Amino acid sequence: MKKLLTLLAAVGLTATASAGVVACDTKIKVESIKTAIGSDIKDLADLAAVNAALAAKLQGTTNATLKGVKSLSAALKSGSKTDVLVTPVANDGYKLSGQTFEIAGAIKAEAAVSTKPVIAAIDAVSMKVGEEVKEVAVSLTNPIEGENISAVSGTPAAATVAVDGSKIKITPVAVGESTITVSYKDAQAVTFKVTVAAAEGTDTGTAKTGV
């Protein structure tokens, strides 16, 4: 009788062990994890921010899919500065259908650096009739080789202009105002005003102002 009980116990242990081997882990589709995460992981500051956001998705989650995920780790996709590949790790008792999934645009793209020429703003100029020529420096960003600035006086009767390299030479002619327009290839034109006053102790006519 004792031998029979021992034999039955051995058979029971073997059956239990076999059942443990046969038992299957719960399978999780990698794409289901991506869907559960949602679409709000986008245009973040950097990779660290992406990983922090992924960790927050798992913390205290009530989502059935994410409950089976132990961790999520993002790395930049080869050749990209904005797309990431996420590697999930499953909790015990779960099995993943794949190794990674992609999140496009997870990191915000850097603004493109403009190479277009830009003329800096120029302050208004005040002069008097009879004064010597005044030079105004023009600051230009992203200049084009072989191209030069140009300047036109709206009212030459009040003041004339000439270009000398990166400087504009202004000559006062008569009392009045003139709008000077500075241009350069592919750049937005810049304007500034020149006001010409009468010389000390003189009475001169006023030049008509141009547009």
C-alpha atoms as a PDB file:
ATOM      1  CA  MET A   1       0.000   0.000   0.000  1.00  0.00           C
ATOM      2  CA  LYS A   2       2.799   2.354   0.888  1.00  0.00           C
ATOM      3  CA  LYS A   3       4.493   1.624  -2.440  1.00  0.00           C
ATOM      4  CA  LEU A   4       1.266   2.416  -4.298  1.00  0.00           C
ATOM      5  CA  LEU A   5       0.907   5.778  -2.582  1.00  0.00           C
ATOM      6  CA  THR A   6       4.510   6.614  -3.360  1.00  0.00           C
ATOM      7  CA  LEU A   7       3.976   5.731  -7.011  1.00  0.00           C
ATOM      8  CA  LEU A   8       0.823   7.863  -7.246  1.00  0.00           C
ATOM      9  CA  ALA A   9       2.608  10.812  -5.656  1.00  0.00           C
ATOM     10  CA  ALA A  10       5.419  10.531  -8.189  1.00  0.00           C
ATOM     11  CA  VAL A  11       2.946  10.458 -11.057  1.00  0.00           C
ATOM     12  CA  GLY A  12       1.190  13.540  -9.659  1.00  0.00           C
ATOM     13  CA  LEU A  13       4.432  15.483  -9.423  1.00  0.00           C
ATOM     14  CA  THR A  14       5.324  14.566 -12.982  1.00  0.00           C
ATOM     15  CA  ALA A  15       1.915  15.689 -14.241  1.00  0.00           C
ATOM     16  CA  THR A  16       2.244  19.010 -12.413  1.00  0.00           C
ATOM     17  CA  ALA A  17       5.690  19.630 -13.876  1.00  0.00           C
ATOM     18  CA  SER A  18       4.445  18.782 -17.357  1.00  0.00           C
ATOM     19  CA  ALA A  19       1.552  21.208 -16.979  1.00  0.00           C
ATOM     20  CA  GLY A  20       4.011  23.950 -16.068  1.00  0.00           C
ATOM     21  CA  VAL A  21       6.015  23.305 -19.201  1.00  0.00           C
ATOM     22  CA  VAL A  22       2.941  23.304 -21.423  1.00  0.00           C
ATOM     23  CA  ALA A  23       1.557  26.572 -19.974  1.00  0.00           C
ATOM     24  CA  CYS A  24       2.021  29.460 -22.501  1.00  0.00           C
ATOM     25  CA  ASP A  25       2.875  33.120 -21.840  1.00  0.00           C
ATOM     26  CA  THR A  26       0.328  35.775 -22.832  1.00  0.00           C
ATOM     27  CA  LYS A  27       1.350  37.156 -26.209  1.00  0.00           C
ATOM     28  CA  ILE A  28       1.450  40.923 -26.770  1.00  0.00           C
ATOM     29  CA  LYS A  29       1.639  42.425 -30.234  1.00  0.00           C
ATOM     30  CA  VAL A  30       4.257  45.159 -30.488  1.00  0.00           C
ATOM     31  CA  GLU A  31       1.893  47.252 -32.616  1.00  0.00           C
ATOM     32  CA  SER A  32      -0.695  47.006 -29.837  1.00  0.00           C
ATOM     33  CA  ILE A  33       1.831  48.579 -27.464  1.00  0.00           C
ATOM     34  CA  LYS A  34       2.352  51.439 -29.927  1.00  0.00           C
ATOM     35  CA  THR A  35      -1.414  51.937 -30.177  1.00  0.00           C
ATOM     36  CA  ALA A  36      -1.814  51.872 -26.391  1.00  0.00           C
ATOM     37  CA  ILE A  37       0.871  54.539 -25.973  1.00  0.00           C
ATOM     38  CA  GLY A  38      -1.131  56.909 -28.155  1.00  0.00           C
ATOM     39  CA  SER A  39      -0.080  59.742 -30.438  1.00  0.00           C
ATOM     40  CA  ASP A  40       0.984  62.360 -27.884  1.00  0.00           C
ATOM     41  CA  ILE A  41       4.665  61.375 -27.901  1.00  0.00           C
ATOM     42  CA  LYS A  42       5.512  63.844 -30.643  1.00  0.00           C
ATOM     43  CA  ASP A  43       7.712  66.914 -31.122  1.00  0.00           C
ATOM     44  CA  LEU A  44       9.384  66.473 -27.723  1.00  0.00           C
ATOM     45  CA  ALA A  45      12.576  68.328 -26.830  1.00  0.00           C
ATOM     46  CA  ASP A  46      15.035  65.431 -26.994  1.00  0.00           C
ATOM     47  CA  LEU A  47      15.565  61.690 -26.505  1.00  0.00           C
ATOM     48  CA  ALA A  48      15.565  62.018 -22.720  1.00  0.00           C
ATOM     49  CA  ALA A  49      12.127  63.633 -22.870  1.00  0.00           C
ATOM     50  CA  VAL A  50      10.870  60.781 -25.058  1.00  0.00           C
ATOM     51  CA  ASN A  51      12.083  58.134 -22.609  1.00  0.00           C
ATOM     52  CA  ALA A  52      10.579  60.039 -19.684  1.00  0.00           C
ATOM     53  CA  ALA A  53       7.236  60.189 -21.485  1.00  0.00           C
ATOM     54  CA  LEU A  54       7.366  56.454 -22.240  1.00  0.00           C
ATOM     55  CA  ALA A  55       8.112  55.649 -18.599  1.00  0.00           C
ATOM     56  CA  ALA A  56       5.166  57.795 -17.522  1.00  0.00           C
ATOM     57  CA  LYS A  57       2.900  55.772 -19.825  1.00  0.00           C
ATOM     58  CA  LEU A  58       3.706  52.591 -17.888  1.00  0.00           C
ATOM     59  CA  GLN A  59       3.547  54.046 -14.391  1.00  0.00           C
ATOM     60  CA  GLY A  60       0.268  53.080 -12.760  1.00  0.00           C
ATOM     61  CA  THR A  61      -1.253  52.106 -16.100  1.00  0.00           C
ATOM     62  CA  THR A  62      -4.675  50.491 -16.238  1.00  0.00           C
ATOM     63  CA  ASN A  63      -4.308  49.571 -19.901  1.00  0.00           C
ATOM     64  CA  ALA A  64      -4.454  45.790 -20.353  1.00  0.00           C
ATOM     65  CA  THR A  65      -1.716  45.788 -22.985  1.00  0.00           C
ATOM     66  CA  LEU A  66       0.690  48.065 -21.129  1.00  0.00           C
ATOM     67  CA  LYS A  67       0.287  46.051 -17.922  1.00  0.00           C
ATOM     68  CA  GLY A  68       2.271  43.318 -19.636  1.00  0.00           C
ATOM     69  CA  VAL A  69       5.165  45.663 -20.428  1.00  0.00           C
ATOM     70  CA  LYS A  70       8.006  46.030 -17.936  1.00  0.00           C
ATOM     71  CA  SER A  71       9.875  48.859 -19.670  1.00  0.00           C
ATOM     72  CA  LEU A  72      10.111  50.924 -22.860  1.00  0.00           C
ATOM     73  CA  SER A  73      13.416  52.280 -24.120  1.00  0.00           C
ATOM     74  CA  ALA A  74      13.769  54.657 -27.075  1.00  0.00           C
ATOM     75  CA  ALA A  75      16.810  55.246 -29.277  1.00  0.00           C
ATOM     76  CA  LEU A  76      17.230  57.422 -32.348  1.00  0.00           C
ATOM     77  CA  LYS A  77      16.482  55.672 -35.603  1.00  0.00           C
ATOM     78  CA  SER A  78      19.591  55.408 -37.759  1.00  0.00           C
ATOM     79  CA  GLY A  79      19.962  58.450 -39.986  1.00  0.00           C
ATOM     80  CA  SER A  80      17.175  60.409 -38.272  1.00  0.00           C
ATOM     81  CA  LYS A  81      17.124  63.197 -35.709  1.00  0.00           C
ATOM     82  CA  THR A  82      13.379  63.046 -35.085  1.00  0.00           C
ATOM     83  CA  ASP A  83      12.248  59.406 -35.366  1.00  0.00           C
ATOM     84  CA  VAL A  84      12.895  56.821 -32.639  1.00  0.00           C
ATOM     85  CA  LEU A  85      12.842  53.039 -32.306  1.00  0.00           C
ATOM     86  CA  VAL A  86      11.288  51.809 -29.068  1.00  0.00           C
ATOM     87  CA  THR A  87      12.388  48.522 -27.497  1.00  0.00           C
ATOM     88  CA  PRO A  88       9.796  47.037 -25.115  1.00  0.00           C
ATOM     89  CA  VAL A  89      10.589  44.478 -22.400  1.00  0.00           C
ATOM     90  CA  ALA A  90       7.776  42.171 -21.298  1.00  0.00           C
ATOM     91  CA  ASN A  91       6.811  41.339 -17.733  1.00  0.00           C
ATOM     92  CA  ASP A  92       6.977  37.740 -16.537  1.00  0.00           C
ATOM     93  CA  GLY A  93       4.197  35.696 -18.056  1.00  0.00           C
ATOM     94  CA  TYR A  94       4.074  37.780 -21.231  1.00  0.00           C
ATOM     95  CA  LYS A  95       5.722  37.371 -24.611  1.00  0.00           C
ATOM     96  CA  LEU A  96       6.231  40.024 -27.289  1.00  0.00           C
ATOM     97  CA  SER A  97       5.523  39.510 -30.990  1.00  0.00           C
ATOM     98  CA  GLY A  98       8.508  41.632 -32.038  1.00  0.00           C
ATOM     99  CA  GLN A  99      11.556  43.504 -30.800  1.00  0.00           C
ATOM    100  CA  THR A 100      10.929  47.178 -31.646  1.00  0.00           C
ATOM    101  CA  PHE A 101       8.440  49.667 -33.033  1.00  0.00           C
ATOM    102  CA  GLU A 102       8.921  53.113 -34.517  1.00  0.00           C
ATOM    103  CA  ILE A 103       7.542  56.480 -33.439  1.00  0.00           C
ATOM    104  CA  ALA A 104       7.927  59.019 -36.233  1.00  0.00           C
ATOM    105  CA  GLY A 105       8.453  62.650 -35.248  1.00  0.00           C
ATOM    106  CA  ALA A 106       8.913  61.879 -31.560  1.00  0.00           C
ATOM    107  CA  ILE A 107      11.597  64.574 -31.321  1.00  0.00           C
ATOM    108  CA  LYS A 108      10.978  68.083 -32.611  1.00  0.00           C
ATOM    109  CA  ALA A 109      12.961  68.918 -35.726  1.00  0.00           C
ATOM    110  CA  GLU A 110      15.437  71.760 -35.448  1.00  0.00           C
ATOM    111  CA  ALA A 111      14.496  74.898 -37.327  1.00  0.00           C
ATOM    112  CA  ALA A 112      16.318  75.170 -40.619  1.00  0.00           C
ATOM    113  CA  VAL A 113      19.104  77.727 -40.574  1.00  0.00           C
ATOM    114  CA  SER A 114      18.368  80.415 -43.131  1.00  0.00           C
ATOM    115  CA  THR A 115      21.071  81.234 -45.652  1.00  0.00           C
ATOM    116  CA  LYS A 116      19.099  84.076 -47.195  1.00  0.00           C
ATOM    117  CA  PRO A 117      20.835  87.486 -47.127  1.00  0.00           C
ATOM    118  CA  VAL A 118      19.452  89.919 -44.550  1.00  0.00           C
ATOM    119  CA  ILE A 119      20.052  93.669 -44.389  1.00  0.00           C
ATOM    120  CA  ALA A 120      20.076  94.994 -40.830  1.00  0.00           C
ATOM    121  CA  ALA A 121      17.837  97.930 -39.918  1.00  0.00           C
ATOM    122  CA  ILE A 122      19.398 101.376 -40.365  1.00  0.00           C
ATOM    123  CA  ASP A 123      18.690 104.282 -38.031  1.00  0.00           C
ATOM    124  CA  ALA A 124      17.350 107.615 -39.276  1.00  0.00           C
ATOM    125  CA  VAL A 125      19.919 110.267 -40.149  1.00  0.00           C
ATOM    126  CA  SER A 126      19.773 114.018 -39.429  1.00  0.00           C
ATOM    127  CA  MET A 127      21.978 116.475 -41.306  1.00  0.00           C
ATOM    128  CA  LYS A 128      22.259 120.159 -42.132  1.00  0.00           C
ATOM    129  CA  VAL A 129      22.703 121.859 -45.465  1.00  0.00           C
ATOM    130  CA  GLY A 130      26.380 122.371 -46.157  1.00  0.00           C
ATOM    131  CA  GLU A 131      27.581 119.513 -43.963  1.00  0.00           C
ATOM    132  CA  GLU A 132      30.185 117.109 -45.237  1.00  0.00           C
ATOM    133  CA  VAL A 133      29.176 113.734 -46.628  1.00  0.00           C
ATOM    134  CA  LYS A 134      28.019 111.343 -43.922  1.00  0.00           C
ATOM    135  CA  GLU A 135      28.795 107.622 -44.135  1.00  0.00           C
ATOM    136  CA  VAL A 136      26.372 104.972 -42.913  1.00  0.00           C
ATOM    137  CA  ALA A 137      27.592 101.388 -42.545  1.00  0.00           C
ATOM    138  CA  VAL A 138      25.314  98.638 -43.852  1.00  0.00           C
ATOM    139  CA  SER A 139      25.361  95.347 -41.939  1.00  0.00           C
ATOM    140  CA  LEU A 140      24.621  92.340 -44.143  1.00  0.00           C
ATOM    141  CA  THR A 141      24.126  88.721 -43.050  1.00  0.00           C
ATOM    142  CA  ASN A 142      24.795  85.822 -45.455  1.00  0.00           C
ATOM    143  CA  PRO A 143      26.275  87.929 -48.258  1.00  0.00           C
ATOM    144  CA  ILE A 144      26.516  86.493 -51.773  1.00  0.00           C
ATOM    145  CA  GLU A 145      29.928  86.547 -53.394  1.00  0.00           C
ATOM    146  CA  GLY A 146      30.126  89.072 -56.191  1.00  0.00           C
ATOM    147  CA  GLU A 147      26.912  90.897 -55.238  1.00  0.00           C
ATOM    148  CA  ASN A 148      26.806  94.505 -54.000  1.00  0.00           C
ATOM    149  CA  ILE A 149      24.292  96.610 -52.131  1.00  0.00           C
ATOM    150  CA  SER A 150      22.464  99.438 -53.867  1.00  0.00           C
ATOM    151  CA  ALA A 151      20.846 102.574 -52.450  1.00  0.00           C
ATOM    152  CA  VAL A 152      18.346 105.021 -53.919  1.00  0.00           C
ATOM    153  CA  SER A 153      17.210 108.377 -52.560  1.00  0.00           C
ATOM    154  CA  GLY A 154      13.486 109.011 -52.796  1.00  0.00           C
ATOM    155  CA  THR A 155      14.069 112.767 -52.867  1.00  0.00           C
ATOM    156  CA  PRO A 156      17.436 113.618 -54.431  1.00  0.00           C
ATOM    157  CA  ALA A 157      16.535 117.308 -54.108  1.00  0.00           C
ATOM    158  CA  ALA A 158      16.914 116.902 -50.327  1.00  0.00           C
ATOM    159  CA  ALA A 159      19.722 114.330 -50.142  1.00  0.00           C
ATOM    160  CA  THR A 160      21.680 112.188 -52.559  1.00  0.00           C
ATOM    161  CA  VAL A 161      23.291 108.827 -51.868  1.00  0.00           C
ATOM    162  CA  ALA A 162      26.203 106.851 -53.241  1.00  0.00           C
ATOM    163  CA  VAL A 163      27.402 103.340 -52.365  1.00  0.00           C
ATOM    164  CA  ASP A 164      31.007 102.618 -51.430  1.00  0.00           C
ATOM    165  CA  GLY A 165      31.391  98.927 -50.615  1.00  0.00           C
ATOM    166  CA  SER A 166      29.361  98.295 -47.475  1.00  0.00           C
ATOM    167  CA  LYS A 167      28.853 102.004 -46.776  1.00  0.00           C
ATOM    168  CA  ILE A 168      26.308 104.530 -47.996  1.00  0.00           C
ATOM    169  CA  LYS A 169      27.516 108.095 -48.469  1.00  0.00           C
ATOM    170  CA  ILE A 170      24.823 110.709 -47.908  1.00  0.00           C
ATOM    171  CA  THR A 171      25.136 114.262 -49.185  1.00  0.00           C
ATOM    172  CA  PRO A 172      22.675 116.904 -47.889  1.00  0.00           C
ATOM    173  CA  VAL A 173      21.351 119.108 -50.703  1.00  0.00           C
ATOM    174  CA  ALA A 174      18.451 121.199 -49.380  1.00  0.00           C
ATOM    175  CA  VAL A 175      16.077 121.401 -46.427  1.00  0.00           C
ATOM    176  CA  GLY A 176      13.675 118.491 -46.501  1.00  0.00           C
ATOM    177  CA  GLU A 177      13.373 114.748 -46.034  1.00  0.00           C
ATOM    178  CA  SER A 178      14.221 111.760 -48.168  1.00  0.00           C
ATOM    179  CA  THR A 179      13.532 108.059 -47.752  1.00  0.00           C
ATOM    180  CA  ILE A 180      16.570 105.985 -48.659  1.00  0.00           C
ATOM    181  CA  THR A 181      15.965 102.454 -49.932  1.00  0.00           C
ATOM    182  CA  VAL A 182      18.787  99.926 -49.546  1.00  0.00           C
ATOM    183  CA  SER A 183      18.580  96.752 -51.634  1.00  0.00           C
ATOM    184  CA  TYR A 184      20.546  93.537 -52.066  1.00  0.00           C
ATOM    185  CA  LYS A 185      19.982  90.389 -54.113  1.00  0.00           C
ATOM    186  CA  ASP A 186      17.506  87.939 -52.477  1.00  0.00           C
ATOM    187  CA  ALA A 187      17.196  90.196 -49.403  1.00  0.00           C
ATOM    188  CA  GLN A 188      14.235  92.262 -48.243  1.00  0.00           C
ATOM    189  CA  ALA A 189      14.887  95.932 -48.918  1.00  0.00           C
ATOM    190  CA  VAL A 190      15.428  98.241 -45.945  1.00  0.00           C
ATOM    191  CA  THR A 191      14.484 101.914 -45.773  1.00  0.00           C
ATOM    192  CA  PHE A 192      15.579 104.744 -43.515  1.00  0.00           C
ATOM    193  CA  LYS A 193      14.844 108.452 -43.404  1.00  0.00           C
ATOM    194  CA  VAL A 194      17.267 111.330 -43.919  1.00  0.00           C
ATOM    195  CA  THR A 195      16.203 114.722 -42.574  1.00  0.00           C
ATOM    196  CA  VAL A 196      18.080 117.782 -43.783  1.00  0.00           C
ATOM    197  CA  ALA A 197      17.798 120.995 -41.762  1.00  0.00           C
ATOM    198  CA  ALA A 198      18.869 124.512 -42.732  1.00  0.00           C
ATOM    199  CA  ALA A 199      22.417 125.537 -42.039  1.00  0.00           C
ATOM    200  CA  GLU A 200      22.978 127.869 -39.104  1.00  0.00           C
ATOM    201  CA  GLY A 201      21.835 131.432 -39.923  1.00  0.00           C
ATOM    202  CA  THR A 202      20.441 130.609 -43.384  1.00  0.00           C
ATOM    203  CA  ASP A 203      16.977 130.568 -44.903  1.00  0.00           C
ATOM    204  CA  THR A 204      16.611 127.978 -47.636  1.00  0.00           C
ATOM    205  CA  GLY A 205      13.713 126.494 -49.536  1.00  0.00           C
ATOM    206  CA  THR A 206      12.358 123.091 -48.589  1.00  0.00           C
ATOM    207  CA  ALA A 207      12.735 120.168 -50.966  1.00  0.00           C
ATOM    208  CA  LYS A 208       9.606 118.135 -51.658  1.00  0.00           C
ATOM    209  CA  THR A 209       9.655 114.805 -49.893  1.00  0.00           C
ATOM    210  CA  GLY A 210       9.655 111.643 -51.995  1.00  0.00           C
ATOM    211  CA  VAL A 211       7.881 108.402 -51.153  1.00  0.00           C
END
